[in-house]
């Protein structure tokens, strides 16, 4: 467990700062790509049931903003708790499971 967690009294971590910054950029990029995808193809294009429920309830702008703010807040909380390896892993997972699929859809599916 020590690999994932560091005590509060350790010095600031460049790795952790880069991990959380990357996480926040990827969250923002996913929000923008999701908004464009929903605008072009409708809300049925979103595969995440939490995001699609939020969009159905509050609309694309407010629903996406709320879900992305919650995700960003969770990433910041992990950063504050110094769980930087997990933040970096989640960033890579988001790139693989959200950003790359959106890129493929935008490149290969016609509007």
PDB file of N, CA and C in Angstrom:
ATOM      1  N   UNK A   1       0.817  -1.193   0.000  1.00  0.00           N
ATOM      2  CA  UNK A   1       0.000   0.000   0.000  1.00  0.00           C
ATOM      3  C   UNK A   1       0.861   1.257   0.000  1.00  0.00           C
ATOM      4  N   UNK A   2       2.084   1.166   0.431  1.00  0.00           N
ATOM      5  CA  UNK A   2       2.937   2.344   0.490  1.00  0.00           C
ATOM      6  C   UNK A   2       3.217   2.931  -0.890  1.00  0.00           C
ATOM      7  N   UNK A   3       3.125   2.123  -1.921  1.00  0.00           N
ATOM      8  CA  UNK A   3       3.369   2.646  -3.268  1.00  0.00           C
ATOM      9  C   UNK A   3       2.309   3.656  -3.684  1.00  0.00           C
ATOM     10  N   UNK A   4       1.092   3.524  -3.167  1.00  0.00           N
ATOM     11  CA  UNK A   4       0.001   4.397  -3.561  1.00  0.00           C
ATOM     12  C   UNK A   4      -0.175   5.604  -2.653  1.00  0.00           C
ATOM     13  N   UNK A   5       0.375   5.567  -1.473  1.00  0.00           N
ATOM     14  CA  UNK A   5       0.091   6.591  -0.482  1.00  0.00           C
ATOM     15  C   UNK A   5       1.382   7.102   0.126  1.00  0.00           C
ATOM     16  N   UNK A   6       1.473   8.415   0.323  1.00  0.00           N
ATOM     17  CA  UNK A   6       2.629   9.023   0.973  1.00  0.00           C
ATOM     18  C   UNK A   6       2.144   9.866   2.147  1.00  0.00           C
ATOM     19  N   UNK A   7       2.906   9.940   3.215  1.00  0.00           N
ATOM     20  CA  UNK A   7       2.487  10.753   4.365  1.00  0.00           C
ATOM     21  C   UNK A   7       2.396  12.234   4.010  1.00  0.00           C
ATOM     22  N   UNK A   8       1.653  12.970   4.834  1.00  0.00           N
ATOM     23  CA  UNK A   8       1.435  14.395   4.610  1.00  0.00           C
ATOM     24  C   UNK A   8       2.718  15.200   4.678  1.00  0.00           C
ATOM     25  N   UNK A   9       3.665  14.775   5.484  1.00  0.00           N
ATOM     26  CA  UNK A   9       4.842  15.601   5.718  1.00  0.00           C
ATOM     27  C   UNK A   9       5.924  15.454   4.645  1.00  0.00           C
ATOM     28  N   UNK A  10       5.641  14.754   3.554  1.00  0.00           N
ATOM     29  CA  UNK A  10       6.632  14.647   2.486  1.00  0.00           C
ATOM     30  C   UNK A  10       6.633  15.917   1.649  1.00  0.00           C
ATOM     31  N   UNK A  11       7.727  16.148   0.959  1.00  0.00           N
ATOM     32  CA  UNK A  11       7.848  17.357   0.141  1.00  0.00           C
ATOM     33  C   UNK A  11       6.961  17.254  -1.102  1.00  0.00           C
ATOM     34  N   UNK A  12       6.673  18.388  -1.735  1.00  0.00           N
ATOM     35  CA  UNK A  12       5.845  18.371  -2.952  1.00  0.00           C
ATOM     36  C   UNK A  12       6.457  17.467  -4.025  1.00  0.00           C
ATOM     37  N   UNK A  13       5.580  16.875  -4.812  1.00  0.00           N
ATOM     38  CA  UNK A  13       6.010  15.906  -5.817  1.00  0.00           C
ATOM     39  C   UNK A  13       5.743  16.447  -7.222  1.00  0.00           C
ATOM     40  N   UNK A  14       6.785  16.551  -8.024  1.00  0.00           N
ATOM     41  CA  UNK A  14       6.607  16.969  -9.416  1.00  0.00           C
ATOM     42  C   UNK A  14       5.758  15.946 -10.159  1.00  0.00           C
ATOM     43  N   UNK A  15       5.992  14.664  -9.893  1.00  0.00           N
ATOM     44  CA  UNK A  15       5.188  13.607 -10.512  1.00  0.00           C
ATOM     45  C   UNK A  15       3.710  13.777 -10.169  1.00  0.00           C
ATOM     46  N   UNK A  16       3.420  14.033  -8.898  1.00  0.00           N
ATOM     47  CA  UNK A  16       2.033  14.210  -8.473  1.00  0.00           C
ATOM     48  C   UNK A  16       1.392  15.431  -9.092  1.00  0.00           C
ATOM     49  N   UNK A  17       2.159  16.528  -9.159  1.00  0.00           N
ATOM     50  CA  UNK A  17       1.630  17.749  -9.767  1.00  0.00           C
ATOM     51  C   UNK A  17       1.322  17.530 -11.249  1.00  0.00           C
ATOM     52  N   UNK A  18       2.222  16.855 -11.950  1.00  0.00           N
ATOM     53  CA  UNK A  18       1.992  16.569 -13.371  1.00  0.00           C
ATOM     54  C   UNK A  18       0.841  15.589 -13.556  1.00  0.00           C
ATOM     55  N   UNK A  19       0.730  14.626 -12.645  1.00  0.00           N
ATOM     56  CA  UNK A  19      -0.354  13.643 -12.748  1.00  0.00           C
ATOM     57  C   UNK A  19      -1.710  14.316 -12.600  1.00  0.00           C
ATOM     58  N   UNK A  20      -1.866  15.169 -11.593  1.00  0.00           N
ATOM     59  CA  UNK A  20      -3.168  15.805 -11.393  1.00  0.00           C
ATOM     60  C   UNK A  20      -3.452  16.837 -12.482  1.00  0.00           C
ATOM     61  N   UNK A  21      -2.450  17.537 -12.942  1.00  0.00           N
ATOM     62  CA  UNK A  21      -2.651  18.482 -14.044  1.00  0.00           C
ATOM     63  C   UNK A  21      -3.080  17.743 -15.308  1.00  0.00           C
ATOM     64  N   UNK A  22      -2.427  16.635 -15.606  1.00  0.00           N
ATOM     65  CA  UNK A  22      -2.811  15.814 -16.762  1.00  0.00           C
ATOM     66  C   UNK A  22      -4.230  15.283 -16.605  1.00  0.00           C
ATOM     67  N   UNK A  23      -4.563  14.849 -15.396  1.00  0.00           N
ATOM     68  CA  UNK A  23      -5.910  14.345 -15.125  1.00  0.00           C
ATOM     69  C   UNK A  23      -6.963  15.421 -15.408  1.00  0.00           C
ATOM     70  N   UNK A  24      -6.704  16.633 -14.950  1.00  0.00           N
ATOM     71  CA  UNK A  24      -7.661  17.714 -15.148  1.00  0.00           C
ATOM     72  C   UNK A  24      -7.793  18.096 -16.625  1.00  0.00           C
ATOM     73  N   UNK A  25      -6.686  18.095 -17.352  1.00  0.00           N
ATOM     74  CA  UNK A  25      -6.726  18.395 -18.793  1.00  0.00           C
ATOM     75  C   UNK A  25      -7.510  17.314 -19.536  1.00  0.00           C
ATOM     76  N   UNK A  26      -7.275  16.056 -19.187  1.00  0.00           N
ATOM     77  CA  UNK A  26      -7.991  14.958 -19.841  1.00  0.00           C
ATOM     78  C   UNK A  26      -9.478  15.018 -19.516  1.00  0.00           C
ATOM     79  N   UNK A  27      -9.837  15.375 -18.284  1.00  0.00           N
ATOM     80  CA  UNK A  27     -11.248  15.521 -17.930  1.00  0.00           C
ATOM     81  C   UNK A  27     -11.904  16.633 -18.762  1.00  0.00           C
ATOM     82  N   UNK A  28     -11.219  17.754 -18.884  1.00  0.00           N
ATOM     83  CA  UNK A  28     -11.755  18.862 -19.675  1.00  0.00           C
ATOM     84  C   UNK A  28     -11.898  18.465 -21.147  1.00  0.00           C
ATOM     85  N   UNK A  29     -10.890  17.801 -21.680  1.00  0.00           N
ATOM     86  CA  UNK A  29     -10.941  17.355 -23.073  1.00  0.00           C
ATOM     87  C   UNK A  29     -12.077  16.366 -23.284  1.00  0.00           C
ATOM     88  N   UNK A  30     -12.262  15.453 -22.353  1.00  0.00           N
ATOM     89  CA  UNK A  30     -13.362  14.501 -22.460  1.00  0.00           C
ATOM     90  C   UNK A  30     -14.706  15.226 -22.412  1.00  0.00           C
ATOM     91  N   UNK A  31     -14.823  16.234 -21.575  1.00  0.00           N
ATOM     92  CA  UNK A  31     -16.060  16.998 -21.516  1.00  0.00           C
ATOM     93  C   UNK A  31     -16.368  17.701 -22.826  1.00  0.00           C
ATOM     94  N   UNK A  32     -15.356  18.302 -23.423  1.00  0.00           N
ATOM     95  CA  UNK A  32     -15.541  19.002 -24.703  1.00  0.00           C
ATOM     96  C   UNK A  32     -15.902  18.008 -25.807  1.00  0.00           C
ATOM     97  N   UNK A  33     -15.176  16.898 -25.880  1.00  0.00           N
ATOM     98  CA  UNK A  33     -15.458  15.900 -26.912  1.00  0.00           C
ATOM     99  C   UNK A  33     -16.840  15.287 -26.729  1.00  0.00           C
ATOM    100  N   UNK A  34     -17.228  15.035 -25.486  1.00  0.00           N
ATOM    101  CA  UNK A  34     -18.559  14.503 -25.218  1.00  0.00           C
ATOM    102  C   UNK A  34     -19.639  15.499 -25.622  1.00  0.00           C
ATOM    103  N   UNK A  35     -19.427  16.760 -25.317  1.00  0.00           N
ATOM    104  CA  UNK A  35     -20.409  17.792 -25.687  1.00  0.00           C
ATOM    105  C   UNK A  35     -20.563  17.857 -27.210  1.00  0.00           C
ATOM    106  N   UNK A  36     -19.453  17.834 -27.920  1.00  0.00           N
ATOM    107  CA  UNK A  36     -19.514  17.865 -29.392  1.00  0.00           C
ATOM    108  C   UNK A  36     -20.205  16.611 -29.917  1.00  0.00           C
ATOM    109  N   UNK A  37     -19.867  15.462 -29.352  1.00  0.00           N
ATOM    110  CA  UNK A  37     -20.496  14.209 -29.776  1.00  0.00           C
ATOM    111  C   UNK A  37     -22.002  14.215 -29.548  1.00  0.00           C
ATOM    112  N   UNK A  38     -22.426  14.713 -28.404  1.00  0.00           N
ATOM    113  CA  UNK A  38     -23.860  14.793 -28.123  1.00  0.00           C
ATOM    114  C   UNK A  38     -24.538  15.798 -29.047  1.00  0.00           C
ATOM    115  N   UNK A  39     -23.871  16.908 -29.341  1.00  0.00           N
ATOM    116  CA  UNK A  39     -24.446  17.908 -30.239  1.00  0.00           C
ATOM    117  C   UNK A  39     -24.601  17.355 -31.653  1.00  0.00           C
ATOM    118  N   UNK A  40     -23.647  16.554 -32.097  1.00  0.00           N
ATOM    119  CA  UNK A  40     -23.687  16.025 -33.460  1.00  0.00           C
ATOM    120  C   UNK A  40     -24.604  14.819 -33.606  1.00  0.00           C
ATOM    121  N   UNK A  41     -24.513  13.857 -32.687  1.00  0.00           N
ATOM    122  CA  UNK A  41     -25.218  12.589 -32.847  1.00  0.00           C
ATOM    123  C   UNK A  41     -26.309  12.348 -31.824  1.00  0.00           C
ATOM    124  N   UNK A  42     -26.519  13.238 -30.900  1.00  0.00           N
ATOM    125  CA  UNK A  42     -27.562  13.063 -29.891  1.00  0.00           C
ATOM    126  C   UNK A  42     -27.031  12.387 -28.629  1.00  0.00           C
ATOM    127  N   UNK A  43     -27.830  12.395 -27.578  1.00  0.00           N
ATOM    128  CA  UNK A  43     -27.359  11.877 -26.285  1.00  0.00           C
ATOM    129  C   UNK A  43     -27.131  10.367 -26.275  1.00  0.00           C
ATOM    130  N   UNK A  44     -27.657   9.649 -27.233  1.00  0.00           N
ATOM    131  CA  UNK A  44     -27.455   8.201 -27.289  1.00  0.00           C
ATOM    132  C   UNK A  44     -26.021   7.798 -27.571  1.00  0.00           C
ATOM    133  N   UNK A  45     -25.189   8.728 -28.009  1.00  0.00           N
ATOM    134  CA  UNK A  45     -23.796   8.425 -28.321  1.00  0.00           C
ATOM    135  C   UNK A  45     -22.969   8.218 -27.057  1.00  0.00           C
ATOM    136  N   UNK A  46     -23.406   8.774 -25.940  1.00  0.00           N
ATOM    137  CA  UNK A  46     -22.646   8.659 -24.688  1.00  0.00           C
ATOM    138  C   UNK A  46     -22.843   7.271 -24.086  1.00  0.00           C
ATOM    139  N   UNK A  47     -21.724   6.580 -23.822  1.00  0.00           N
ATOM    140  CA  UNK A  47     -21.773   5.208 -23.317  1.00  0.00           C
ATOM    141  C   UNK A  47     -21.800   5.134 -21.794  1.00  0.00           C
ATOM    142  N   UNK A  48     -21.350   6.171 -21.111  1.00  0.00           N
ATOM    143  CA  UNK A  48     -21.306   6.152 -19.652  1.00  0.00           C
ATOM    144  C   UNK A  48     -22.714   6.409 -19.108  1.00  0.00           C
ATOM    145  N   UNK A  49     -23.292   5.458 -18.362  1.00  0.00           N
ATOM    146  CA  UNK A  49     -24.670   5.643 -17.887  1.00  0.00           C
ATOM    147  C   UNK A  49     -24.816   6.789 -16.884  1.00  0.00           C
ATOM    148  N   UNK A  50     -23.785   7.089 -16.115  1.00  0.00           N
ATOM    149  CA  UNK A  50     -23.861   8.203 -15.165  1.00  0.00           C
ATOM    150  C   UNK A  50     -23.924   9.524 -15.922  1.00  0.00           C
ATOM    151  N   UNK A  51     -23.054   9.668 -16.922  1.00  0.00           N
ATOM    152  CA  UNK A  51     -23.035  10.900 -17.718  1.00  0.00           C
ATOM    153  C   UNK A  51     -24.317  11.029 -18.529  1.00  0.00           C
ATOM    154  N   UNK A  52     -24.768   9.949 -19.151  1.00  0.00           N
ATOM    155  CA  UNK A  52     -25.988  10.042 -19.954  1.00  0.00           C
ATOM    156  C   UNK A  52     -27.208  10.340 -19.087  1.00  0.00           C
ATOM    157  N   UNK A  53     -27.244   9.833 -17.858  1.00  0.00           N
ATOM    158  CA  UNK A  53     -28.344  10.160 -16.946  1.00  0.00           C
ATOM    159  C   UNK A  53     -28.298  11.630 -16.549  1.00  0.00           C
ATOM    160  N   UNK A  54     -27.104  12.138 -16.272  1.00  0.00           N
ATOM    161  CA  UNK A  54     -26.964  13.553 -15.912  1.00  0.00           C
ATOM    162  C   UNK A  54     -27.363  14.449 -17.075  1.00  0.00           C
ATOM    163  N   UNK A  55     -26.988  14.053 -18.291  1.00  0.00           N
ATOM    164  CA  UNK A  55     -27.350  14.833 -19.478  1.00  0.00           C
ATOM    165  C   UNK A  55     -28.860  14.781 -19.704  1.00  0.00           C
ATOM    166  N   UNK A  56     -29.471  13.620 -19.499  1.00  0.00           N
ATOM    167  CA  UNK A  56     -30.923  13.512 -19.664  1.00  0.00           C
ATOM    168  C   UNK A  56     -31.658  14.348 -18.617  1.00  0.00           C
ATOM    169  N   UNK A  57     -31.121  14.408 -17.425  1.00  0.00           N
ATOM    170  CA  UNK A  57     -31.774  15.146 -16.338  1.00  0.00           C
ATOM    171  C   UNK A  57     -31.577  16.653 -16.447  1.00  0.00           C
ATOM    172  N   UNK A  58     -30.328  17.080 -16.695  1.00  0.00           N
ATOM    173  CA  UNK A  58     -30.009  18.514 -16.611  1.00  0.00           C
ATOM    174  C   UNK A  58     -29.673  19.159 -17.951  1.00  0.00           C
ATOM    175  N   UNK A  59     -29.615  18.380 -19.013  1.00  0.00           N
ATOM    176  CA  UNK A  59     -29.219  18.926 -20.306  1.00  0.00           C
ATOM    177  C   UNK A  59     -27.727  18.739 -20.526  1.00  0.00           C
ATOM    178  N   UNK A  60     -27.280  18.879 -21.774  1.00  0.00           N
ATOM    179  CA  UNK A  60     -25.878  18.612 -22.082  1.00  0.00           C
ATOM    180  C   UNK A  60     -24.886  19.511 -21.336  1.00  0.00           C
ATOM    181  N   UNK A  61     -25.150  20.800 -21.311  1.00  0.00           N
ATOM    182  CA  UNK A  61     -24.203  21.719 -20.673  1.00  0.00           C
ATOM    183  C   UNK A  61     -24.080  21.487 -19.178  1.00  0.00           C
ATOM    184  N   UNK A  62     -25.210  21.533 -18.493  1.00  0.00           N
ATOM    185  CA  UNK A  62     -25.188  21.388 -17.039  1.00  0.00           C
ATOM    186  C   UNK A  62     -24.836  19.971 -16.612  1.00  0.00           C
ATOM    187  N   UNK A  63     -25.352  18.970 -17.322  1.00  0.00           N
ATOM    188  CA  UNK A  63     -25.061  17.577 -16.972  1.00  0.00           C
ATOM    189  C   UNK A  63     -23.589  17.232 -17.114  1.00  0.00           C
ATOM    190  N   UNK A  64     -23.002  17.639 -18.244  1.00  0.00           N
ATOM    191  CA  UNK A  64     -21.575  17.384 -18.448  1.00  0.00           C
ATOM    192  C   UNK A  64     -20.717  18.186 -17.478  1.00  0.00           C
ATOM    193  N   UNK A  65     -21.095  19.426 -17.248  1.00  0.00           N
ATOM    194  CA  UNK A  65     -20.330  20.249 -16.311  1.00  0.00           C
ATOM    195  C   UNK A  65     -20.346  19.631 -14.921  1.00  0.00           C
ATOM    196  N   UNK A  66     -21.505  19.185 -14.484  1.00  0.00           N
ATOM    197  CA  UNK A  66     -21.609  18.583 -13.151  1.00  0.00           C
ATOM    198  C   UNK A  66     -20.778  17.306 -13.040  1.00  0.00           C
ATOM    199  N   UNK A  67     -20.881  16.428 -14.031  1.00  0.00           N
ATOM    200  CA  UNK A  67     -20.134  15.169 -13.939  1.00  0.00           C
ATOM    201  C   UNK A  67     -18.628  15.402 -14.030  1.00  0.00           C
ATOM    202  N   UNK A  68     -18.208  16.337 -14.854  1.00  0.00           N
ATOM    203  CA  UNK A  68     -16.776  16.619 -14.974  1.00  0.00           C
ATOM    204  C   UNK A  68     -16.234  17.314 -13.731  1.00  0.00           C
ATOM    205  N   UNK A  69     -17.048  18.175 -13.109  1.00  0.00           N
ATOM    206  CA  UNK A  69     -16.611  18.815 -11.865  1.00  0.00           C
ATOM    207  C   UNK A  69     -16.484  17.793 -10.737  1.00  0.00           C
ATOM    208  N   UNK A  70     -17.389  16.833 -10.676  1.00  0.00           N
ATOM    209  CA  UNK A  70     -17.281  15.774  -9.666  1.00  0.00           C
ATOM    210  C   UNK A  70     -16.020  14.941  -9.911  1.00  0.00           C
ATOM    211  N   UNK A  71     -15.780  14.569 -11.166  1.00  0.00           N
ATOM    212  CA  UNK A  71     -14.583  13.790 -11.484  1.00  0.00           C
ATOM    213  C   UNK A  71     -13.318  14.575 -11.169  1.00  0.00           C
ATOM    214  N   UNK A  72     -13.296  15.860 -11.526  1.00  0.00           N
ATOM    215  CA  UNK A  72     -12.127  16.692 -11.232  1.00  0.00           C
ATOM    216  C   UNK A  72     -11.926  16.824  -9.724  1.00  0.00           C
ATOM    217  N   UNK A  73     -13.005  17.000  -8.992  1.00  0.00           N
ATOM    218  CA  UNK A  73     -12.911  17.079  -7.540  1.00  0.00           C
ATOM    219  C   UNK A  73     -12.356  15.811  -6.922  1.00  0.00           C
ATOM    220  N   UNK A  74     -12.771  14.666  -7.441  1.00  0.00           N
ATOM    221  CA  UNK A  74     -12.233  13.389  -6.943  1.00  0.00           C
ATOM    222  C   UNK A  74     -10.740  13.276  -7.249  1.00  0.00           C
ATOM    223  N   UNK A  75     -10.331  13.701  -8.437  1.00  0.00           N
ATOM    224  CA  UNK A  75      -8.910  13.677  -8.782  1.00  0.00           C
ATOM    225  C   UNK A  75      -8.092  14.601  -7.897  1.00  0.00           C
ATOM    226  N   UNK A  76      -8.632  15.775  -7.612  1.00  0.00           N
ATOM    227  CA  UNK A  76      -7.939  16.713  -6.725  1.00  0.00           C
ATOM    228  C   UNK A  76      -7.864  16.147  -5.311  1.00  0.00           C
ATOM    229  N   UNK A  77      -8.933  15.513  -4.862  1.00  0.00           N
ATOM    230  CA  UNK A  77      -8.917  14.886  -3.536  1.00  0.00           C
ATOM    231  C   UNK A  77      -7.842  13.800  -3.449  1.00  0.00           C
ATOM    232  N   UNK A  78      -7.738  12.988  -4.488  1.00  0.00           N
ATOM    233  CA  UNK A  78      -6.674  11.977  -4.508  1.00  0.00           C
ATOM    234  C   UNK A  78      -5.294  12.631  -4.490  1.00  0.00           C
ATOM    235  N   UNK A  79      -5.153  13.731  -5.207  1.00  0.00           N
ATOM    236  CA  UNK A  79      -3.876  14.449  -5.220  1.00  0.00           C
ATOM    237  C   UNK A  79      -3.544  14.999  -3.829  1.00  0.00           C
ATOM    238  N   UNK A  80      -4.526  15.582  -3.174  1.00  0.00           N
ATOM    239  CA  UNK A  80      -4.307  16.128  -1.838  1.00  0.00           C
ATOM    240  C   UNK A  80      -3.950  15.008  -0.855  1.00  0.00           C
ATOM    241  N   UNK A  81      -4.549  13.850  -1.053  1.00  0.00           N
ATOM    242  CA  UNK A  81      -4.239  12.688  -0.205  1.00  0.00           C
ATOM    243  C   UNK A  81      -2.938  12.001  -0.625  1.00  0.00           C
ATOM    244  N   UNK A  82      -2.285  12.542  -1.659  1.00  0.00           N
ATOM    245  CA  UNK A  82      -0.999  12.065  -2.163  1.00  0.00           C
ATOM    246  C   UNK A  82      -1.055  10.637  -2.722  1.00  0.00           C
ATOM    247  N   UNK A  83      -2.130  10.338  -3.419  1.00  0.00           N
ATOM    248  CA  UNK A  83      -2.276   9.054  -4.088  1.00  0.00           C
ATOM    249  C   UNK A  83      -1.974   9.280  -5.573  1.00  0.00           C
ATOM    250  N   UNK A  84      -0.775   9.737  -5.845  1.00  0.00           N
ATOM    251  CA  UNK A  84      -0.411  10.194  -7.186  1.00  0.00           C
ATOM    252  C   UNK A  84      -0.346   9.072  -8.213  1.00  0.00           C
ATOM    253  N   UNK A  85       0.073   7.902  -7.797  1.00  0.00           N
ATOM    254  CA  UNK A  85       0.137   6.785  -8.739  1.00  0.00           C
ATOM    255  C   UNK A  85      -1.251   6.439  -9.256  1.00  0.00           C
ATOM    256  N   UNK A  86      -2.238   6.485  -8.383  1.00  0.00           N
ATOM    257  CA  UNK A  86      -3.608   6.207  -8.809  1.00  0.00           C
ATOM    258  C   UNK A  86      -4.129   7.299  -9.741  1.00  0.00           C
ATOM    259  N   UNK A  87      -3.801   8.551  -9.471  1.00  0.00           N
ATOM    260  CA  UNK A  87      -4.211   9.650 -10.361  1.00  0.00           C
ATOM    261  C   UNK A  87      -3.593   9.455 -11.748  1.00  0.00           C
ATOM    262  N   UNK A  88      -2.326   9.077 -11.799  1.00  0.00           N
ATOM    263  CA  UNK A  88      -1.665   8.833 -13.087  1.00  0.00           C
ATOM    264  C   UNK A  88      -2.310   7.648 -13.807  1.00  0.00           C
ATOM    265  N   UNK A  89      -2.640   6.596 -13.058  1.00  0.00           N
ATOM    266  CA  UNK A  89      -3.301   5.436 -13.655  1.00  0.00           C
ATOM    267  C   UNK A  89      -4.673   5.825 -14.216  1.00  0.00           C
ATOM    268  N   UNK A  90      -5.441   6.586 -13.453  1.00  0.00           N
ATOM    269  CA  UNK A  90      -6.762   7.012 -13.920  1.00  0.00           C
ATOM    270  C   UNK A  90      -6.668   7.917 -15.146  1.00  0.00           C
ATOM    271  N   UNK A  91      -5.626   8.726 -15.211  1.00  0.00           N
ATOM    272  CA  UNK A  91      -5.409   9.567 -16.390  1.00  0.00           C
ATOM    273  C   UNK A  91      -5.181   8.700 -17.624  1.00  0.00           C
ATOM    274  N   UNK A  92      -4.306   7.706 -17.487  1.00  0.00           N
ATOM    275  CA  UNK A  92      -4.042   6.792 -18.605  1.00  0.00           C
ATOM    276  C   UNK A  92      -5.303   6.012 -18.987  1.00  0.00           C
ATOM    277  N   UNK A  93      -6.060   5.593 -17.990  1.00  0.00           N
ATOM    278  CA  UNK A  93      -7.303   4.868 -18.254  1.00  0.00           C
ATOM    279  C   UNK A  93      -8.303   5.749 -19.008  1.00  0.00           C
ATOM    280  N   UNK A  94      -8.424   7.007 -18.616  1.00  0.00           N
ATOM    281  CA  UNK A  94      -9.326   7.930 -19.306  1.00  0.00           C
ATOM    282  C   UNK A  94      -8.889   8.177 -20.744  1.00  0.00           C
ATOM    283  N   UNK A  95      -7.588   8.270 -20.962  1.00  0.00           N
ATOM    284  CA  UNK A  95      -7.108   8.449 -22.340  1.00  0.00           C
ATOM    285  C   UNK A  95      -7.493   7.239 -23.178  1.00  0.00           C
ATOM    286  N   UNK A  96      -7.291   6.039 -22.620  1.00  0.00           N
ATOM    287  CA  UNK A  96      -7.577   4.817 -23.368  1.00  0.00           C
ATOM    288  C   UNK A  96      -9.073   4.561 -23.540  1.00  0.00           C
ATOM    289  N   UNK A  97      -9.869   4.866 -22.512  1.00  0.00           N
ATOM    290  CA  UNK A  97     -11.285   4.504 -22.542  1.00  0.00           C
ATOM    291  C   UNK A  97     -12.218   5.634 -22.957  1.00  0.00           C
ATOM    292  N   UNK A  98     -11.720   6.869 -23.025  1.00  0.00           N
ATOM    293  CA  UNK A  98     -12.601   7.985 -23.385  1.00  0.00           C
ATOM    294  C   UNK A  98     -12.049   8.821 -24.530  1.00  0.00           C
ATOM    295  N   UNK A  99     -10.824   9.273 -24.419  1.00  0.00           N
ATOM    296  CA  UNK A  99     -10.276  10.178 -25.431  1.00  0.00           C
ATOM    297  C   UNK A  99     -10.039   9.451 -26.752  1.00  0.00           C
ATOM    298  N   UNK A 100      -9.386   8.315 -26.713  1.00  0.00           N
ATOM    299  CA  UNK A 100      -9.118   7.580 -27.960  1.00  0.00           C
ATOM    300  C   UNK A 100     -10.401   7.116 -28.653  1.00  0.00           C
ATOM    301  N   UNK A 101     -11.403   6.593 -27.924  1.00  0.00           N
ATOM    302  CA  UNK A 101     -12.658   6.257 -28.621  1.00  0.00           C
ATOM    303  C   UNK A 101     -13.350   7.468 -29.252  1.00  0.00           C
ATOM    304  N   UNK A 102     -13.356   8.606 -28.556  1.00  0.00           N
ATOM    305  CA  UNK A 102     -13.946   9.806 -29.163  1.00  0.00           C
ATOM    306  C   UNK A 102     -13.163  10.213 -30.411  1.00  0.00           C
ATOM    307  N   UNK A 103     -11.851  10.152 -30.342  1.00  0.00           N
ATOM    308  CA  UNK A 103     -11.040  10.495 -31.517  1.00  0.00           C
ATOM    309  C   UNK A 103     -11.367   9.571 -32.686  1.00  0.00           C
ATOM    310  N   UNK A 104     -11.508   8.278 -32.409  1.00  0.00           N
ATOM    311  CA  UNK A 104     -11.847   7.319 -33.471  1.00  0.00           C
ATOM    312  C   UNK A 104     -13.228   7.608 -34.046  1.00  0.00           C
ATOM    313  N   UNK A 105     -14.173   7.922 -33.200  1.00  0.00           N
ATOM    314  CA  UNK A 105     -15.527   8.239 -33.687  1.00  0.00           C
ATOM    315  C   UNK A 105     -15.511   9.477 -34.572  1.00  0.00           C
ATOM    316  N   UNK A 106     -14.814  10.515 -34.125  1.00  0.00           N
ATOM    317  CA  UNK A 106     -14.768  11.747 -34.912  1.00  0.00           C
ATOM    318  C   UNK A 106     -14.032  11.539 -36.236  1.00  0.00           C
ATOM    319  N   UNK A 107     -13.038  10.659 -36.252  1.00  0.00           N
ATOM    320  CA  UNK A 107     -12.280  10.442 -37.483  1.00  0.00           C
ATOM    321  C   UNK A 107     -12.998   9.531 -38.471  1.00  0.00           C
ATOM    322  N   UNK A 108     -13.711   8.515 -37.988  1.00  0.00           N
ATOM    323  CA  UNK A 108     -14.207   7.473 -38.887  1.00  0.00           C
ATOM    324  C   UNK A 108     -15.717   7.402 -39.036  1.00  0.00           C
ATOM    325  N   UNK A 109     -16.466   8.151 -38.255  1.00  0.00           N
ATOM    326  CA  UNK A 109     -17.929   8.120 -38.369  1.00  0.00           C
ATOM    327  C   UNK A 109     -18.371   9.463 -38.952  1.00  0.00           C
ATOM    328  N   UNK A 110     -19.196   9.375 -39.972  1.00  0.00           N
ATOM    329  CA  UNK A 110     -19.641  10.621 -40.601  1.00  0.00           C
ATOM    330  C   UNK A 110     -20.795  11.218 -39.801  1.00  0.00           C
ATOM    331  N   UNK A 111     -20.887  12.521 -39.887  1.00  0.00           N
ATOM    332  CA  UNK A 111     -21.924  13.258 -39.182  1.00  0.00           C
ATOM    333  C   UNK A 111     -23.171  13.102 -39.953  1.00  0.00           C
TER     334      UNK A 111
END
